[in-house]
């Protein structure tokens, strides 16, 4: 019975030693140091979002992934920007159609016969 107890204690100590060795060598698996609770690294300009702005967005990681509120905020901001750009494109297309309709006076009248 004592042998089994010593075996279980020895295995537990080996597992704990391996765990702490791996944890010390590899860390927690984060590339960035953790930030203070309640702060965010998520930043986007007020208007004129470019692809580079989106590429540098960083979300704070929570226990099992990213904070849903930060992801939702960023996606809503991008969606609004896209909607604004599409509205501008629609307005410009409508203006082009009106200009084309105003310039179109119908078919050209036939030329009188030359003598």
Protein backbone atom coordinates (compact mmCIF):
# COMPACT_ATOMS: atom_id res chain seq x y z
CA UNK A 1 0.00 0.00 0.00
CA UNK A 2 2.86 2.36 0.83
CA UNK A 3 4.45 1.57 -2.53
CA UNK A 4 1.29 2.61 -4.40
CA UNK A 5 1.09 5.84 -2.39
CA UNK A 6 4.73 6.68 -3.13
CA UNK A 7 4.17 5.87 -6.80
CA UNK A 8 1.14 8.22 -7.00
CA UNK A 9 3.02 11.00 -5.20
CA UNK A 10 6.05 10.50 -7.48
CA UNK A 11 3.93 10.66 -10.64
CA UNK A 12 2.13 13.80 -9.38
CA UNK A 13 5.48 15.48 -8.64
CA UNK A 14 6.80 14.57 -12.10
CA UNK A 15 3.67 15.93 -13.80
CA UNK A 16 3.89 19.15 -11.78
CA UNK A 17 7.60 19.51 -12.59
CA UNK A 18 7.00 18.99 -16.33
CA UNK A 19 4.05 21.41 -16.26
CA UNK A 20 6.06 24.20 -14.61
CA UNK A 21 9.04 23.58 -16.89
CA UNK A 22 6.88 23.87 -20.02
CA UNK A 23 5.04 26.90 -18.58
CA UNK A 24 8.33 28.64 -17.80
CA UNK A 25 9.88 27.93 -21.22
CA UNK A 26 6.85 28.70 -23.39
CA UNK A 27 4.98 31.21 -21.23
CA UNK A 28 1.24 31.70 -21.54
CA UNK A 29 1.26 31.65 -25.35
CA UNK A 30 0.69 35.39 -25.78
CA UNK A 31 2.66 37.47 -28.23
CA UNK A 32 1.79 40.71 -26.42
CA UNK A 33 1.90 41.34 -22.70
CA UNK A 34 -1.54 41.39 -21.08
CA UNK A 35 -3.16 44.81 -20.81
CA UNK A 36 -4.97 46.19 -17.81
CA UNK A 37 -8.59 45.21 -17.36
CA UNK A 38 -11.01 47.73 -18.84
CA UNK A 39 -8.54 49.15 -21.37
CA UNK A 40 -8.47 48.34 -25.05
CA UNK A 41 -5.95 48.42 -27.85
CA UNK A 42 -8.76 48.62 -30.41
CA UNK A 43 -8.43 51.91 -32.30
CA UNK A 44 -9.90 53.13 -35.59
CA UNK A 45 -10.05 56.64 -37.06
CA UNK A 46 -13.39 58.49 -36.95
CA UNK A 47 -13.75 58.45 -40.74
CA UNK A 48 -11.76 57.45 -43.79
CA UNK A 49 -10.88 53.95 -42.63
CA UNK A 50 -8.28 52.34 -44.84
CA UNK A 51 -7.24 48.73 -45.21
CA UNK A 52 -4.10 49.42 -43.19
CA UNK A 53 -6.22 50.75 -40.31
CA UNK A 54 -8.16 47.50 -40.25
CA UNK A 55 -5.03 45.38 -40.52
CA UNK A 56 -3.52 46.86 -37.35
CA UNK A 57 -6.65 46.42 -35.20
CA UNK A 58 -5.87 44.38 -32.09
CA UNK A 59 -8.54 42.82 -29.88
CA UNK A 60 -7.95 42.06 -26.22
CA UNK A 61 -8.10 38.35 -25.61
CA UNK A 62 -10.49 37.15 -22.96
CA UNK A 63 -10.51 33.75 -21.27
CA UNK A 64 -11.75 31.87 -24.32
CA UNK A 65 -11.07 34.25 -27.19
CA UNK A 66 -11.64 37.93 -27.90
CA UNK A 67 -13.95 40.30 -26.07
CA UNK A 68 -17.20 40.21 -27.99
CA UNK A 69 -17.94 43.88 -27.26
CA UNK A 70 -14.73 45.02 -28.96
CA UNK A 71 -15.31 42.83 -31.99
CA UNK A 72 -18.91 44.05 -32.27
CA UNK A 73 -17.82 47.69 -31.97
CA UNK A 74 -15.20 47.30 -34.70
CA UNK A 75 -17.52 45.47 -37.05
CA UNK A 76 -20.25 48.08 -36.54
CA UNK A 77 -17.77 50.89 -37.27
CA UNK A 78 -16.63 49.17 -40.47
CA UNK A 79 -20.21 48.48 -41.49
CA UNK A 80 -21.13 52.16 -41.08
CA UNK A 81 -18.12 53.22 -43.14
CA UNK A 82 -19.05 50.79 -45.89
CA UNK A 83 -22.66 52.01 -45.86
CA UNK A 84 -21.48 55.62 -46.20
CA UNK A 85 -19.19 54.73 -49.10
CA UNK A 86 -21.95 52.82 -50.86
CA UNK A 87 -24.32 55.80 -50.44
CA UNK A 88 -21.72 58.07 -52.06
CA UNK A 89 -21.29 55.63 -54.93
CA UNK A 90 -25.07 55.43 -55.39
CA UNK A 91 -25.38 59.25 -55.43
CA UNK A 92 -22.58 59.56 -58.00
CA UNK A 93 -24.15 56.90 -60.22
CA UNK A 94 -27.53 58.64 -60.05
CA UNK A 95 -25.92 61.96 -60.94
CA UNK A 96 -24.14 60.37 -63.91
CA UNK A 97 -27.43 58.90 -65.14
CA UNK A 98 -29.13 62.31 -64.88
CA UNK A 99 -26.26 63.97 -66.75
CA UNK A 100 -26.42 61.32 -69.46
CA UNK A 101 -30.21 61.73 -69.76
CA UNK A 102 -29.89 65.52 -70.02
CA UNK A 103 -27.21 65.25 -72.70
CA UNK A 104 -29.22 62.74 -74.74
CA UNK A 105 -31.48 64.76 -77.06
CA UNK A 106 -32.51 61.80 -79.13
CA UNK A 107 -31.35 60.68 -82.55
CA UNK A 108 -29.63 63.14 -84.80
CA UNK A 109 -31.89 64.58 -87.50
CA UNK A 110 -31.04 63.52 -91.03
CA UNK A 111 -28.90 65.89 -93.03
CA UNK A 112 -30.56 67.62 -95.97
CA UNK A 113 -29.53 66.21 -99.36
CA UNK A 114 -26.59 67.93 -100.91
CA UNK A 115 -26.90 69.37 -104.43
